[in-house]
Amino acid sequence: MDALQTRSRTPSLPESSIVLLGILFAIVGLTFRDSFGFSSLLAAIGIGLVIAGTVYIAVEGPEVVRLSLVFISLVALPLLSYGGVVRWVGGSMIGAVVGGALYTRISK
């Protein structure tokens, strides 16, 4: 019965491979241009993968904390391109992600 309740904790694709795949997507998307917008979409997906993978690797802690900080960073980053109060909100969210990552590293 215990064998049925244990879960495999090994990921199918290592986090570093996700970051490298994101870098590859971003480079290809920024290098080649097309008229349909596929390259811009590929670059955006690549940048998102790099950010998400980097935050996921940087945070040490429970899975919920890691995924929450990844989500916050992906939401906050586009807010930095706006002006005024929205930029400050995005900056404070990025600060919360950095603070959370540092806290999880120091607390262990």
PDB file of N, CA and C in Angstrom:
ATOM      1  N   MET A   1       0.816  -1.191   0.000  1.00  0.00           N
ATOM      2  CA  MET A   1       0.000   0.000   0.000  1.00  0.00           C
ATOM      3  C   MET A   1       0.867   1.266   0.000  1.00  0.00           C
ATOM      4  N   ASP A   2       2.004   1.191   0.692  1.00  0.00           N
ATOM      5  CA  ASP A   2       2.881   2.358   0.730  1.00  0.00           C
ATOM      6  C   ASP A   2       3.486   2.647  -0.639  1.00  0.00           C
ATOM      7  N   ALA A   3       3.702   1.602  -1.422  1.00  0.00           N
ATOM      8  CA  ALA A   3       4.282   1.806  -2.750  1.00  0.00           C
ATOM      9  C   ALA A   3       3.335   2.582  -3.659  1.00  0.00           C
ATOM     10  N   LEU A   4       2.047   2.453  -3.430  1.00  0.00           N
ATOM     11  CA  LEU A   4       1.079   3.181  -4.246  1.00  0.00           C
ATOM     12  C   LEU A   4       1.013   4.653  -3.869  1.00  0.00           C
ATOM     13  N   GLN A   5       1.374   4.997  -2.644  1.00  0.00           N
ATOM     14  CA  GLN A   5       1.264   6.373  -2.182  1.00  0.00           C
ATOM     15  C   GLN A   5       2.518   7.191  -2.420  1.00  0.00           C
ATOM     16  N   THR A   6       3.637   6.564  -2.702  1.00  0.00           N
ATOM     17  CA  THR A   6       4.849   7.318  -2.977  1.00  0.00           C
ATOM     18  C   THR A   6       4.798   7.845  -4.397  1.00  0.00           C
ATOM     19  N   ARG A   7       5.253   9.063  -4.532  1.00  0.00           N
ATOM     20  CA  ARG A   7       5.255   9.706  -5.843  1.00  0.00           C
ATOM     21  C   ARG A   7       6.687   9.902  -6.304  1.00  0.00           C
ATOM     22  N   SER A   8       6.889   9.803  -7.551  1.00  0.00           N
ATOM     23  CA  SER A   8       8.214  10.028  -8.115  1.00  0.00           C
ATOM     24  C   SER A   8       8.483  11.524  -8.153  1.00  0.00           C
ATOM     25  N   ARG A   9       9.577  11.967  -7.601  1.00  0.00           N
ATOM     26  CA  ARG A   9       9.912  13.387  -7.542  1.00  0.00           C
ATOM     27  C   ARG A   9      10.881  13.796  -8.651  1.00  0.00           C
ATOM     28  N   THR A  10      11.224  12.887  -9.554  1.00  0.00           N
ATOM     29  CA  THR A  10      12.153  13.232 -10.615  1.00  0.00           C
ATOM     30  C   THR A  10      11.395  13.891 -11.757  1.00  0.00           C
ATOM     31  N   PRO A  11      11.829  15.078 -12.180  1.00  0.00           N
ATOM     32  CA  PRO A  11      11.148  15.729 -13.290  1.00  0.00           C
ATOM     33  C   PRO A  11      11.476  15.048 -14.612  1.00  0.00           C
ATOM     34  N   SER A  12      10.565  15.141 -15.537  1.00  0.00           N
ATOM     35  CA  SER A  12      10.793  14.524 -16.837  1.00  0.00           C
ATOM     36  C   SER A  12      11.794  15.322 -17.663  1.00  0.00           C
ATOM     37  N   LEU A  13      11.883  16.625 -17.438  1.00  0.00           N
ATOM     38  CA  LEU A  13      12.833  17.483 -18.131  1.00  0.00           C
ATOM     39  C   LEU A  13      13.499  18.368 -17.087  1.00  0.00           C
ATOM     40  N   PRO A  14      14.812  18.336 -16.969  1.00  0.00           N
ATOM     41  CA  PRO A  14      15.473  19.148 -15.946  1.00  0.00           C
ATOM     42  C   PRO A  14      15.216  20.639 -16.156  1.00  0.00           C
ATOM     43  N   GLU A  15      15.245  21.384 -15.056  1.00  0.00           N
ATOM     44  CA  GLU A  15      14.961  22.821 -15.123  1.00  0.00           C
ATOM     45  C   GLU A  15      15.973  23.555 -15.985  1.00  0.00           C
ATOM     46  N   SER A  16      17.226  23.120 -15.935  1.00  0.00           N
ATOM     47  CA  SER A  16      18.243  23.791 -16.741  1.00  0.00           C
ATOM     48  C   SER A  16      17.984  23.598 -18.236  1.00  0.00           C
ATOM     49  N   SER A  17      17.407  22.476 -18.616  1.00  0.00           N
ATOM     50  CA  SER A  17      17.067  22.258 -20.023  1.00  0.00           C
ATOM     51  C   SER A  17      15.955  23.195 -20.469  1.00  0.00           C
ATOM     52  N   ILE A  18      15.043  23.507 -19.559  1.00  0.00           N
ATOM     53  CA  ILE A  18      13.965  24.438 -19.889  1.00  0.00           C
ATOM     54  C   ILE A  18      14.524  25.833 -20.122  1.00  0.00           C
ATOM     55  N   VAL A  19      15.489  26.243 -19.296  1.00  0.00           N
ATOM     56  CA  VAL A  19      16.113  27.555 -19.475  1.00  0.00           C
ATOM     57  C   VAL A  19      16.877  27.595 -20.798  1.00  0.00           C
ATOM     58  N   LEU A  20      17.624  26.547 -21.099  1.00  0.00           N
ATOM     59  CA  LEU A  20      18.368  26.512 -22.368  1.00  0.00           C
ATOM     60  C   LEU A  20      17.432  26.496 -23.571  1.00  0.00           C
ATOM     61  N   LEU A  21      16.323  25.788 -23.467  1.00  0.00           N
ATOM     62  CA  LEU A  21      15.335  25.789 -24.542  1.00  0.00           C
ATOM     63  C   LEU A  21      14.739  27.188 -24.717  1.00  0.00           C
ATOM     64  N   GLY A  22      14.488  27.874 -23.608  1.00  0.00           N
ATOM     65  CA  GLY A  22      13.981  29.244 -23.677  1.00  0.00           C
ATOM     66  C   GLY A  22      14.973  30.191 -24.328  1.00  0.00           C
ATOM     67  N   ILE A  23      16.249  30.030 -24.005  1.00  0.00           N
ATOM     68  CA  ILE A  23      17.281  30.866 -24.639  1.00  0.00           C
ATOM     69  C   ILE A  23      17.326  30.598 -26.137  1.00  0.00           C
ATOM     70  N   LEU A  24      17.230  29.342 -26.520  1.00  0.00           N
ATOM     71  CA  LEU A  24      17.225  28.991 -27.942  1.00  0.00           C
ATOM     72  C   LEU A  24      16.011  29.599 -28.652  1.00  0.00           C
ATOM     73  N   PHE A  25      14.822  29.483 -28.046  1.00  0.00           N
ATOM     74  CA  PHE A  25      13.617  30.082 -28.634  1.00  0.00           C
ATOM     75  C   PHE A  25      13.766  31.596 -28.775  1.00  0.00           C
ATOM     76  N   ALA A  26      14.300  32.245 -27.738  1.00  0.00           N
ATOM     77  CA  ALA A  26      14.450  33.700 -27.779  1.00  0.00           C
ATOM     78  C   ALA A  26      15.432  34.119 -28.863  1.00  0.00           C
ATOM     79  N   ILE A  27      16.537  33.412 -28.994  1.00  0.00           N
ATOM     80  CA  ILE A  27      17.527  33.757 -30.018  1.00  0.00           C
ATOM     81  C   ILE A  27      16.948  33.566 -31.418  1.00  0.00           C
ATOM     82  N   VAL A  28      16.296  32.438 -31.647  1.00  0.00           N
ATOM     83  CA  VAL A  28      15.700  32.192 -32.963  1.00  0.00           C
ATOM     84  C   VAL A  28      14.587  33.201 -33.247  1.00  0.00           C
ATOM     85  N   GLY A  29      13.764  33.495 -32.243  1.00  0.00           N
ATOM     86  CA  GLY A  29      12.668  34.440 -32.438  1.00  0.00           C
ATOM     87  C   GLY A  29      13.131  35.858 -32.687  1.00  0.00           C
ATOM     88  N   LEU A  30      14.241  36.245 -32.065  1.00  0.00           N
ATOM     89  CA  LEU A  30      14.759  37.599 -32.267  1.00  0.00           C
ATOM     90  C   LEU A  30      15.624  37.718 -33.511  1.00  0.00           C
ATOM     91  N   THR A  31      16.156  36.609 -34.003  1.00  0.00           N
ATOM     92  CA  THR A  31      17.030  36.646 -35.173  1.00  0.00           C
ATOM     93  C   THR A  31      16.239  36.640 -36.482  1.00  0.00           C
ATOM     94  N   PHE A  32      15.266  35.761 -36.576  1.00  0.00           N
ATOM     95  CA  PHE A  32      14.511  35.618 -37.819  1.00  0.00           C
ATOM     96  C   PHE A  32      13.195  36.372 -37.729  1.00  0.00           C
ATOM     97  N   ARG A  33      12.799  36.991 -38.814  1.00  0.00           N
ATOM     98  CA  ARG A  33      11.541  37.735 -38.869  1.00  0.00           C
ATOM     99  C   ARG A  33      10.639  37.129 -39.931  1.00  0.00           C
ATOM    100  N   ASP A  34       9.341  37.143 -39.668  1.00  0.00           N
ATOM    101  CA  ASP A  34       8.374  36.677 -40.640  1.00  0.00           C
ATOM    102  C   ASP A  34       7.191  37.638 -40.635  1.00  0.00           C
ATOM    103  N   SER A  35       6.321  37.470 -41.613  1.00  0.00           N
ATOM    104  CA  SER A  35       5.187  38.380 -41.729  1.00  0.00           C
ATOM    105  C   SER A  35       3.988  37.938 -40.907  1.00  0.00           C
ATOM    106  N   PHE A  36       3.996  36.737 -40.380  1.00  0.00           N
ATOM    107  CA  PHE A  36       2.856  36.228 -39.621  1.00  0.00           C
ATOM    108  C   PHE A  36       2.962  36.495 -38.128  1.00  0.00           C
ATOM    109  N   GLY A  37       4.131  36.828 -37.630  1.00  0.00           N
ATOM    110  CA  GLY A  37       4.311  37.082 -36.215  1.00  0.00           C
ATOM    111  C   GLY A  37       4.716  35.869 -35.412  1.00  0.00           C
ATOM    112  N   PHE A  38       5.081  34.780 -36.091  1.00  0.00           N
ATOM    113  CA  PHE A  38       5.504  33.588 -35.366  1.00  0.00           C
ATOM    114  C   PHE A  38       6.816  33.811 -34.624  1.00  0.00           C
ATOM    115  N   SER A  39       7.710  34.588 -35.216  1.00  0.00           N
ATOM    116  CA  SER A  39       9.003  34.813 -34.568  1.00  0.00           C
ATOM    117  C   SER A  39       8.850  35.646 -33.300  1.00  0.00           C
ATOM    118  N   SER A  40       7.934  36.612 -33.308  1.00  0.00           N
ATOM    119  CA  SER A  40       7.695  37.396 -32.094  1.00  0.00           C
ATOM    120  C   SER A  40       7.090  36.521 -31.001  1.00  0.00           C
ATOM    121  N   LEU A  41       6.183  35.645 -31.383  1.00  0.00           N
ATOM    122  CA  LEU A  41       5.594  34.724 -30.422  1.00  0.00           C
ATOM    123  C   LEU A  41       6.639  33.753 -29.883  1.00  0.00           C
ATOM    124  N   LEU A  42       7.518  33.273 -30.746  1.00  0.00           N
ATOM    125  CA  LEU A  42       8.581  32.374 -30.323  1.00  0.00           C
ATOM    126  C   LEU A  42       9.541  33.067 -29.364  1.00  0.00           C
ATOM    127  N   ALA A  43       9.863  34.342 -29.641  1.00  0.00           N
ATOM    128  CA  ALA A  43      10.738  35.097 -28.749  1.00  0.00           C
ATOM    129  C   ALA A  43      10.069  35.320 -27.391  1.00  0.00           C
ATOM    130  N   ALA A  44       8.775  35.607 -27.396  1.00  0.00           N
ATOM    131  CA  ALA A  44       8.062  35.825 -26.132  1.00  0.00           C
ATOM    132  C   ALA A  44       7.994  34.542 -25.307  1.00  0.00           C
ATOM    133  N   ILE A  45       7.746  33.427 -25.961  1.00  0.00           N
ATOM    134  CA  ILE A  45       7.728  32.144 -25.249  1.00  0.00           C
ATOM    135  C   ILE A  45       9.114  31.830 -24.693  1.00  0.00           C
ATOM    136  N   GLY A  46      10.145  32.107 -25.476  1.00  0.00           N
ATOM    137  CA  GLY A  46      11.512  31.861 -25.023  1.00  0.00           C
ATOM    138  C   GLY A  46      11.882  32.707 -23.819  1.00  0.00           C
ATOM    139  N   ILE A  47      11.522  33.983 -23.840  1.00  0.00           N
ATOM    140  CA  ILE A  47      11.812  34.860 -22.704  1.00  0.00           C
ATOM    141  C   ILE A  47      11.036  34.407 -21.473  1.00  0.00           C
ATOM    142  N   GLY A  48       9.797  34.001 -21.668  1.00  0.00           N
ATOM    143  CA  GLY A  48       9.005  33.492 -20.544  1.00  0.00           C
ATOM    144  C   GLY A  48       9.594  32.225 -19.946  1.00  0.00           C
ATOM    145  N   LEU A  49      10.076  31.321 -20.797  1.00  0.00           N
ATOM    146  CA  LEU A  49      10.701  30.092 -20.305  1.00  0.00           C
ATOM    147  C   LEU A  49      11.983  30.382 -19.544  1.00  0.00           C
ATOM    148  N   VAL A  50      12.760  31.336 -20.033  1.00  0.00           N
ATOM    149  CA  VAL A  50      13.997  31.695 -19.337  1.00  0.00           C
ATOM    150  C   VAL A  50      13.686  32.270 -17.960  1.00  0.00           C
ATOM    151  N   ILE A  51      12.726  33.178 -17.890  1.00  0.00           N
ATOM    152  CA  ILE A  51      12.372  33.792 -16.607  1.00  0.00           C
ATOM    153  C   ILE A  51      11.800  32.763 -15.648  1.00  0.00           C
ATOM    154  N   ALA A  52      10.859  31.960 -16.136  1.00  0.00           N
ATOM    155  CA  ALA A  52      10.228  30.955 -15.275  1.00  0.00           C
ATOM    156  C   ALA A  52      11.237  29.916 -14.802  1.00  0.00           C
ATOM    157  N   GLY A  53      12.086  29.447 -15.691  1.00  0.00           N
ATOM    158  CA  GLY A  53      13.081  28.451 -15.309  1.00  0.00           C
ATOM    159  C   GLY A  53      14.106  28.986 -14.334  1.00  0.00           C
ATOM    160  N   THR A  54      14.521  30.227 -14.539  1.00  0.00           N
ATOM    161  CA  THR A  54      15.508  30.827 -13.643  1.00  0.00           C
ATOM    162  C   THR A  54      14.937  31.019 -12.251  1.00  0.00           C
ATOM    163  N   VAL A  55      13.721  31.518 -12.152  1.00  0.00           N
ATOM    164  CA  VAL A  55      13.097  31.696 -10.845  1.00  0.00           C
ATOM    165  C   VAL A  55      12.861  30.350 -10.186  1.00  0.00           C
ATOM    166  N   TYR A  56      12.433  29.373 -10.951  1.00  0.00           N
ATOM    167  CA  TYR A  56      12.169  28.045 -10.394  1.00  0.00           C
ATOM    168  C   TYR A  56      13.451  27.414  -9.846  1.00  0.00           C
ATOM    169  N   ILE A  57      14.561  27.602 -10.550  1.00  0.00           N
ATOM    170  CA  ILE A  57      15.837  27.073 -10.079  1.00  0.00           C
ATOM    171  C   ILE A  57      16.325  27.853  -8.858  1.00  0.00           C
ATOM    172  N   ALA A  58      16.124  29.168  -8.838  1.00  0.00           N
ATOM    173  CA  ALA A  58      16.654  30.002  -7.760  1.00  0.00           C
ATOM    174  C   ALA A  58      15.940  29.772  -6.435  1.00  0.00           C
ATOM    175  N   VAL A  59      14.673  29.409  -6.468  1.00  0.00           N
ATOM    176  CA  VAL A  59      13.900  29.259  -5.240  1.00  0.00           C
ATOM    177  C   VAL A  59      14.052  27.834  -4.719  1.00  0.00           C
ATOM    178  N   GLU A  60      14.381  27.724  -3.441  1.00  0.00           N
ATOM    179  CA  GLU A  60      14.465  26.417  -2.791  1.00  0.00           C
ATOM    180  C   GLU A  60      13.351  26.347  -1.773  1.00  0.00           C
ATOM    181  N   GLY A  61      12.476  25.412  -1.933  1.00  0.00           N
ATOM    182  CA  GLY A  61      11.374  25.286  -0.996  1.00  0.00           C
ATOM    183  C   GLY A  61      10.296  24.386  -1.559  1.00  0.00           C
ATOM    184  N   PRO A  62       9.129  24.427  -0.936  1.00  0.00           N
ATOM    185  CA  PRO A  62       8.018  23.601  -1.422  1.00  0.00           C
ATOM    186  C   PRO A  62       7.611  23.989  -2.843  1.00  0.00           C
ATOM    187  N   GLU A  63       6.995  23.046  -3.510  1.00  0.00           N
ATOM    188  CA  GLU A  63       6.580  23.249  -4.910  1.00  0.00           C
ATOM    189  C   GLU A  63       5.605  24.415  -5.047  1.00  0.00           C
ATOM    190  N   VAL A  64       4.737  24.593  -4.068  1.00  0.00           N
ATOM    191  CA  VAL A  64       3.743  25.673  -4.128  1.00  0.00           C
ATOM    192  C   VAL A  64       4.425  27.033  -4.107  1.00  0.00           C
ATOM    193  N   VAL A  65       5.433  27.187  -3.274  1.00  0.00           N
ATOM    194  CA  VAL A  65       6.162  28.456  -3.194  1.00  0.00           C
ATOM    195  C   VAL A  65       6.911  28.716  -4.492  1.00  0.00           C
ATOM    196  N   ARG A  66       7.549  27.700  -5.029  1.00  0.00           N
ATOM    197  CA  ARG A  66       8.301  27.868  -6.270  1.00  0.00           C
ATOM    198  C   ARG A  66       7.391  28.286  -7.424  1.00  0.00           C
ATOM    199  N   LEU A  67       6.276  27.592  -7.575  1.00  0.00           N
ATOM    200  CA  LEU A  67       5.365  27.915  -8.679  1.00  0.00           C
ATOM    201  C   LEU A  67       4.673  29.263  -8.478  1.00  0.00           C
ATOM    202  N   SER A  68       4.397  29.628  -7.242  1.00  0.00           N
ATOM    203  CA  SER A  68       3.791  30.934  -6.965  1.00  0.00           C
ATOM    204  C   SER A  68       4.735  32.067  -7.351  1.00  0.00           C
ATOM    205  N   LEU A  69       6.001  31.934  -7.000  1.00  0.00           N
ATOM    206  CA  LEU A  69       6.957  32.978  -7.358  1.00  0.00           C
ATOM    207  C   LEU A  69       7.209  33.028  -8.857  1.00  0.00           C
ATOM    208  N   VAL A  70       7.155  31.890  -9.528  1.00  0.00           N
ATOM    209  CA  VAL A  70       7.272  31.882 -10.992  1.00  0.00           C
ATOM    210  C   VAL A  70       6.096  32.627 -11.613  1.00  0.00           C
ATOM    211  N   PHE A  71       4.896  32.363 -11.131  1.00  0.00           N
ATOM    212  CA  PHE A  71       3.712  33.037 -11.660  1.00  0.00           C
ATOM    213  C   PHE A  71       3.781  34.542 -11.413  1.00  0.00           C
ATOM    214  N   ILE A  72       4.173  34.942 -10.211  1.00  0.00           N
ATOM    215  CA  ILE A  72       4.269  36.373  -9.899  1.00  0.00           C
ATOM    216  C   ILE A  72       5.293  37.047 -10.808  1.00  0.00           C
ATOM    217  N   SER A  73       6.424  36.397 -11.043  1.00  0.00           N
ATOM    218  CA  SER A  73       7.441  37.015 -11.899  1.00  0.00           C
ATOM    219  C   SER A  73       6.960  37.140 -13.342  1.00  0.00           C
ATOM    220  N   LEU A  74       6.208  36.148 -13.832  1.00  0.00           N
ATOM    221  CA  LEU A  74       5.702  36.226 -15.201  1.00  0.00           C
ATOM    222  C   LEU A  74       4.615  37.286 -15.353  1.00  0.00           C
ATOM    223  N   VAL A  75       3.874  37.549 -14.286  1.00  0.00           N
ATOM    224  CA  VAL A  75       2.858  38.599 -14.334  1.00  0.00           C
ATOM    225  C   VAL A  75       3.498  39.973 -14.173  1.00  0.00           C
ATOM    226  N   ALA A  76       4.520  40.071 -13.328  1.00  0.00           N
ATOM    227  CA  ALA A  76       5.101  41.367 -13.000  1.00  0.00           C
ATOM    228  C   ALA A  76       6.001  41.923 -14.089  1.00  0.00           C
ATOM    229  N   LEU A  77       6.672  41.071 -14.822  1.00  0.00           N
ATOM    230  CA  LEU A  77       7.642  41.564 -15.790  1.00  0.00           C
ATOM    231  C   LEU A  77       7.037  42.458 -16.875  1.00  0.00           C
ATOM    232  N   PRO A  78       5.901  42.103 -17.473  1.00  0.00           N
ATOM    233  CA  PRO A  78       5.325  43.023 -18.473  1.00  0.00           C
ATOM    234  C   PRO A  78       4.856  44.355 -17.877  1.00  0.00           C
ATOM    235  N   LEU A  79       4.556  44.376 -16.581  1.00  0.00           N
ATOM    236  CA  LEU A  79       4.121  45.627 -15.961  1.00  0.00           C
ATOM    237  C   LEU A  79       5.227  46.663 -15.926  1.00  0.00           C
ATOM    238  N   LEU A  80       6.471  46.232 -15.995  1.00  0.00           N
ATOM    239  CA  LEU A  80       7.588  47.180 -15.971  1.00  0.00           C
ATOM    240  C   LEU A  80       7.660  48.028 -17.239  1.00  0.00           C
ATOM    241  N   SER A  81       7.020  47.601 -18.315  1.00  0.00           N
ATOM    242  CA  SER A  81       7.069  48.373 -19.560  1.00  0.00           C
ATOM    243  C   SER A  81       6.105  49.553 -19.558  1.00  0.00           C
ATOM    244  N   TYR A  82       5.151  49.581 -18.626  1.00  0.00           N
ATOM    245  CA  TYR A  82       4.218  50.702 -18.524  1.00  0.00           C
ATOM    246  C   TYR A  82       4.827  51.801 -17.668  1.00  0.00           C
ATOM    247  N   GLY A  83       4.117  52.894 -17.533  1.00  0.00           N
ATOM    248  CA  GLY A  83       4.618  54.001 -16.741  1.00  0.00           C
ATOM    249  C   GLY A  83       3.793  54.227 -15.496  1.00  0.00           C
ATOM    250  N   GLY A  84       4.295  55.103 -14.656  1.00  0.00           N
ATOM    251  CA  GLY A  84       3.557  55.530 -13.475  1.00  0.00           C
ATOM    252  C   GLY A  84       3.422  54.472 -12.399  1.00  0.00           C
ATOM    253  N   VAL A  85       2.213  54.387 -11.850  1.00  0.00           N
ATOM    254  CA  VAL A  85       1.937  53.502 -10.721  1.00  0.00           C
ATOM    255  C   VAL A  85       2.061  52.037 -11.128  1.00  0.00           C
ATOM    256  N   VAL A  86       1.703  51.714 -12.366  1.00  0.00           N
ATOM    257  CA  VAL A  86       1.756  50.328 -12.827  1.00  0.00           C
ATOM    258  C   VAL A  86       3.200  49.826 -12.806  1.00  0.00           C
ATOM    259  N   ARG A  87       4.140  50.680 -13.190  1.00  0.00           N
ATOM    260  CA  ARG A  87       5.549  50.297 -13.147  1.00  0.00           C
ATOM    261  C   ARG A  87       6.003  50.044 -11.712  1.00  0.00           C
ATOM    262  N   TRP A  88       5.529  50.872 -10.776  1.00  0.00           N
ATOM    263  CA  TRP A  88       5.889  50.672  -9.367  1.00  0.00           C
ATOM    264  C   TRP A  88       5.301  49.377  -8.826  1.00  0.00           C
ATOM    265  N   VAL A  89       4.094  49.042  -9.250  1.00  0.00           N
ATOM    266  CA  VAL A  89       3.489  47.775  -8.822  1.00  0.00           C
ATOM    267  C   VAL A  89       4.310  46.600  -9.358  1.00  0.00           C
ATOM    268  N   GLY A  90       4.687  46.658 -10.633  1.00  0.00           N
ATOM    269  CA  GLY A  90       5.524  45.603 -11.211  1.00  0.00           C
ATOM    270  C   GLY A  90       6.870  45.494 -10.520  1.00  0.00           C
ATOM    271  N   GLY A  91       7.472  46.650 -10.214  1.00  0.00           N
ATOM    272  CA  GLY A  91       8.757  46.644  -9.509  1.00  0.00           C
ATOM    273  C   GLY A  91       8.649  46.066  -8.113  1.00  0.00           C
ATOM    274  N   SER A  92       7.562  46.386  -7.422  1.00  0.00           N
ATOM    275  CA  SER A  92       7.387  45.829  -6.077  1.00  0.00           C
ATOM    276  C   SER A  92       7.119  44.323  -6.134  1.00  0.00           C
ATOM    277  N   MET A  93       6.432  43.868  -7.182  1.00  0.00           N
ATOM    278  CA  MET A  93       6.209  42.428  -7.342  1.00  0.00           C
ATOM    279  C   MET A  93       7.523  41.704  -7.636  1.00  0.00           C
ATOM    280  N   ILE A  94       8.368  42.279  -8.475  1.00  0.00           N
ATOM    281  CA  ILE A  94       9.683  41.698  -8.738  1.00  0.00           C
ATOM    282  C   ILE A  94      10.516  41.697  -7.457  1.00  0.00           C
ATOM    283  N   GLY A  95      10.410  42.770  -6.667  1.00  0.00           N
ATOM    284  CA  GLY A  95      11.100  42.809  -5.376  1.00  0.00           C
ATOM    285  C   GLY A  95      10.614  41.716  -4.438  1.00  0.00           C
ATOM    286  N   ALA A  96       9.317  41.433  -4.480  1.00  0.00           N
ATOM    287  CA  ALA A  96       8.773  40.352  -3.644  1.00  0.00           C
ATOM    288  C   ALA A  96       9.297  38.996  -4.099  1.00  0.00           C
ATOM    289  N   VAL A  97       9.446  38.812  -5.403  1.00  0.00           N
ATOM    290  CA  VAL A  97       9.996  37.550  -5.915  1.00  0.00           C
ATOM    291  C   VAL A  97      11.448  37.383  -5.482  1.00  0.00           C
ATOM    292  N   VAL A  98      12.229  38.453  -5.619  1.00  0.00           N
ATOM    293  CA  VAL A  98      13.640  38.389  -5.211  1.00  0.00           C
ATOM    294  C   VAL A  98      13.737  38.154  -3.702  1.00  0.00           C
ATOM    295  N   GLY A  99      12.914  38.867  -2.932  1.00  0.00           N
ATOM    296  CA  GLY A  99      12.911  38.665  -1.482  1.00  0.00           C
ATOM    297  C   GLY A  99      12.499  37.257  -1.096  1.00  0.00           C
ATOM    298  N   GLY A 100      11.491  36.710  -1.772  1.00  0.00           N
ATOM    299  CA  GLY A 100      11.062  35.342  -1.505  1.00  0.00           C
ATOM    300  C   GLY A 100      12.129  34.324  -1.852  1.00  0.00           C
ATOM    301  N   ALA A 101      12.822  34.556  -2.972  1.00  0.00           N
ATOM    302  CA  ALA A 101      13.893  33.636  -3.361  1.00  0.00           C
ATOM    303  C   ALA A 101      15.046  33.688  -2.363  1.00  0.00           C
ATOM    304  N   LEU A 102      15.396  34.888  -1.933  1.00  0.00           N
ATOM    305  CA  LEU A 102      16.464  35.014  -0.939  1.00  0.00           C
ATOM    306  C   LEU A 102      16.063  34.398   0.394  1.00  0.00           C
ATOM    307  N   TYR A 103      14.822  34.590   0.798  1.00  0.00           N
ATOM    308  CA  TYR A 103      14.348  34.027   2.065  1.00  0.00           C
ATOM    309  C   TYR A 103      14.392  32.503   2.044  1.00  0.00           C
ATOM    310  N   THR A 104      13.973  31.916   0.927  1.00  0.00           N
ATOM    311  CA  THR A 104      13.991  30.460   0.863  1.00  0.00           C
ATOM    312  C   THR A 104      15.412  29.922   0.857  1.00  0.00           C
ATOM    313  N   ARG A 105      16.345  30.678   0.316  1.00  0.00           N
ATOM    314  CA  ARG A 105      17.741  30.252   0.316  1.00  0.00           C
ATOM    315  C   ARG A 105      18.366  30.385   1.695  1.00  0.00           C
ATOM    316  N   ILE A 106      18.064  31.486   2.386  1.00  0.00           N
ATOM    317  CA  ILE A 106      18.675  31.740   3.689  1.00  0.00           C
ATOM    318  C   ILE A 106      18.070  30.873   4.770  1.00  0.00           C
ATOM    319  N   SER A 107      16.773  30.597   4.687  1.00  0.00           N
ATOM    320  CA  SER A 107      16.091  29.861   5.737  1.00  0.00           C
ATOM    321  C   SER A 107      16.498  28.388   5.824  1.00  0.00           C
ATOM    322  N   LYS A 108      17.132  27.861   4.796  1.00  0.00           N
ATOM    323  CA  LYS A 108      17.535  26.444   4.823  1.00  0.00           C
ATOM    324  C   LYS A 108      18.824  26.247   5.518  1.00  0.00           C
TER     325      LYS A 108
END
